[in-house]
């Protein structure tokens, strides 16, 4: 499981078996969990909340989305490196 970075107590990561999906990250407070919030990256450098299963409060989620957008190119590079494949986007 590639752990990308940690911000304000939240882990930003992706699972190592999800390379058949478009580029996305998961967010968990504390350790990674199956019920993590899922965020799709978009081809225009933005992100979309797929679901918020970990129930991150909206204000914190907004801050995390800003951080993910700021690290867009880093995340895409890590995706390519981890999965040895081209990045596909949700939209």
C-alpha atoms as a PDB file:
ATOM      1  CA  UNK A   1       0.000   0.000   0.000  1.00  0.00           C
ATOM      2  CA  UNK A   2       1.715   3.192  -1.130  1.00  0.00           C
ATOM      3  CA  UNK A   3       1.360   5.840   1.578  1.00  0.00           C
ATOM      4  CA  UNK A   4       1.607   9.190  -0.193  1.00  0.00           C
ATOM      5  CA  UNK A   5       1.593  11.729   2.621  1.00  0.00           C
ATOM      6  CA  UNK A   6       0.007  12.644   5.911  1.00  0.00           C
ATOM      7  CA  UNK A   7      -1.698  15.910   6.716  1.00  0.00           C
ATOM      8  CA  UNK A   8      -3.474  17.051   9.874  1.00  0.00           C
ATOM      9  CA  UNK A   9      -3.650  13.473  11.203  1.00  0.00           C
ATOM     10  CA  UNK A  10      -5.031  12.019   7.967  1.00  0.00           C
ATOM     11  CA  UNK A  11      -3.235   9.526   5.746  1.00  0.00           C
ATOM     12  CA  UNK A  12      -3.478   9.960   1.977  1.00  0.00           C
ATOM     13  CA  UNK A  13      -2.729   6.688   0.173  1.00  0.00           C
ATOM     14  CA  UNK A  14      -3.818   4.174  -2.426  1.00  0.00           C
ATOM     15  CA  UNK A  15      -4.151   0.429  -2.241  1.00  0.00           C
ATOM     16  CA  UNK A  16      -1.634  -1.588  -4.210  1.00  0.00           C
ATOM     17  CA  UNK A  17      -4.286  -3.631  -6.074  1.00  0.00           C
ATOM     18  CA  UNK A  18      -6.309  -0.829  -7.677  1.00  0.00           C
ATOM     19  CA  UNK A  19      -4.377  -0.146 -10.864  1.00  0.00           C
ATOM     20  CA  UNK A  20      -7.351  -1.201 -13.018  1.00  0.00           C
ATOM     21  CA  UNK A  21      -9.254   1.910 -11.843  1.00  0.00           C
ATOM     22  CA  UNK A  22      -8.729   5.585 -12.684  1.00  0.00           C
ATOM     23  CA  UNK A  23      -6.241   7.415 -10.470  1.00  0.00           C
ATOM     24  CA  UNK A  24      -7.622   8.042  -6.994  1.00  0.00           C
ATOM     25  CA  UNK A  25      -6.568   8.252  -3.367  1.00  0.00           C
ATOM     26  CA  UNK A  26      -8.043   7.170  -0.067  1.00  0.00           C
ATOM     27  CA  UNK A  27      -8.115   9.240   3.120  1.00  0.00           C
ATOM     28  CA  UNK A  28      -8.187   7.829   6.645  1.00  0.00           C
ATOM     29  CA  UNK A  29      -7.701   9.387  10.028  1.00  0.00           C
ATOM     30  CA  UNK A  30      -4.957   7.402  11.721  1.00  0.00           C
ATOM     31  CA  UNK A  31      -4.156   4.101  10.051  1.00  0.00           C
ATOM     32  CA  UNK A  32      -5.519   3.097   6.616  1.00  0.00           C
ATOM     33  CA  UNK A  33      -8.868   1.320   6.726  1.00  0.00           C
ATOM     34  CA  UNK A  34     -11.322  -0.340   4.350  1.00  0.00           C
ATOM     35  CA  UNK A  35     -13.893   2.379   5.089  1.00  0.00           C
ATOM     36  CA  UNK A  36     -11.659   5.187   3.873  1.00  0.00           C
ATOM     37  CA  UNK A  37     -12.948   8.176   1.979  1.00  0.00           C
ATOM     38  CA  UNK A  38     -12.243   7.850  -1.769  1.00  0.00           C
ATOM     39  CA  UNK A  39     -11.215  10.763  -3.983  1.00  0.00           C
ATOM     40  CA  UNK A  40     -10.972  10.648  -7.791  1.00  0.00           C
ATOM     41  CA  UNK A  41      -8.426  12.874  -9.546  1.00  0.00           C
ATOM     42  CA  UNK A  42      -9.614  14.596 -12.711  1.00  0.00           C
ATOM     43  CA  UNK A  43      -7.763  15.285 -15.946  1.00  0.00           C
ATOM     44  CA  UNK A  44      -7.956  19.040 -15.249  1.00  0.00           C
ATOM     45  CA  UNK A  45      -6.062  18.749 -11.958  1.00  0.00           C
ATOM     46  CA  UNK A  46      -9.069  18.722  -9.675  1.00  0.00           C
ATOM     47  CA  UNK A  47     -10.627  16.065  -7.525  1.00  0.00           C
ATOM     48  CA  UNK A  48     -14.073  14.642  -6.850  1.00  0.00           C
ATOM     49  CA  UNK A  49     -15.312  12.887  -3.728  1.00  0.00           C
ATOM     50  CA  UNK A  50     -16.391   9.383  -4.762  1.00  0.00           C
ATOM     51  CA  UNK A  51     -17.630   8.688  -1.232  1.00  0.00           C
ATOM     52  CA  UNK A  52     -16.963   9.799   2.331  1.00  0.00           C
ATOM     53  CA  UNK A  53     -17.353   6.505   4.176  1.00  0.00           C
ATOM     54  CA  UNK A  54     -14.991   7.620   6.930  1.00  0.00           C
ATOM     55  CA  UNK A  55     -17.302  10.597   7.582  1.00  0.00           C
ATOM     56  CA  UNK A  56     -14.659  13.317   7.519  1.00  0.00           C
ATOM     57  CA  UNK A  57     -16.292  16.608   8.548  1.00  0.00           C
ATOM     58  CA  UNK A  58     -16.847  18.857   5.512  1.00  0.00           C
ATOM     59  CA  UNK A  59     -14.490  21.650   6.626  1.00  0.00           C
ATOM     60  CA  UNK A  60     -11.632  19.173   7.127  1.00  0.00           C
ATOM     61  CA  UNK A  61     -12.493  17.382   3.905  1.00  0.00           C
ATOM     62  CA  UNK A  62     -12.302  20.682   2.002  1.00  0.00           C
ATOM     63  CA  UNK A  63      -8.805  21.297   3.420  1.00  0.00           C
ATOM     64  CA  UNK A  64      -7.751  17.775   2.446  1.00  0.00           C
ATOM     65  CA  UNK A  65      -9.133  18.220  -1.074  1.00  0.00           C
ATOM     66  CA  UNK A  66      -7.061  21.393  -1.410  1.00  0.00           C
ATOM     67  CA  UNK A  67      -3.947  19.492  -0.304  1.00  0.00           C
ATOM     68  CA  UNK A  68      -4.663  16.666  -2.756  1.00  0.00           C
ATOM     69  CA  UNK A  69      -5.118  19.144  -5.608  1.00  0.00           C
ATOM     70  CA  UNK A  70      -1.835  20.834  -4.666  1.00  0.00           C
ATOM     71  CA  UNK A  71      -0.095  17.434  -4.883  1.00  0.00           C
ATOM     72  CA  UNK A  72      -1.783  16.394  -8.147  1.00  0.00           C
ATOM     73  CA  UNK A  73       1.415  15.847 -10.146  1.00  0.00           C
ATOM     74  CA  UNK A  74       3.143  14.097  -7.238  1.00  0.00           C
ATOM     75  CA  UNK A  75       0.195  11.694  -6.856  1.00  0.00           C
ATOM     76  CA  UNK A  76       0.101  10.949 -10.586  1.00  0.00           C
ATOM     77  CA  UNK A  77       3.854  10.289 -10.594  1.00  0.00           C
ATOM     78  CA  UNK A  78       3.540   7.937  -7.617  1.00  0.00           C
ATOM     79  CA  UNK A  79       0.599   6.143  -9.300  1.00  0.00           C
ATOM     80  CA  UNK A  80       2.635   5.610 -12.463  1.00  0.00           C
ATOM     81  CA  UNK A  81       5.611   4.409 -10.454  1.00  0.00           C
ATOM     82  CA  UNK A  82       3.625   2.071  -8.205  1.00  0.00           C
ATOM     83  CA  UNK A  83       1.495   0.482 -10.929  1.00  0.00           C
ATOM     84  CA  UNK A  84       3.893   0.706 -13.886  1.00  0.00           C
ATOM     85  CA  UNK A  85       1.056   1.966 -16.033  1.00  0.00           C
ATOM     86  CA  UNK A  86      -0.259   5.132 -17.581  1.00  0.00           C
ATOM     87  CA  UNK A  87      -2.570   7.280 -15.489  1.00  0.00           C
ATOM     88  CA  UNK A  88      -6.267   7.070 -16.414  1.00  0.00           C
ATOM     89  CA  UNK A  89      -8.663   9.709 -15.111  1.00  0.00           C
ATOM     90  CA  UNK A  90     -12.227   9.452 -13.859  1.00  0.00           C
ATOM     91  CA  UNK A  91     -13.193  12.450 -16.008  1.00  0.00           C
END
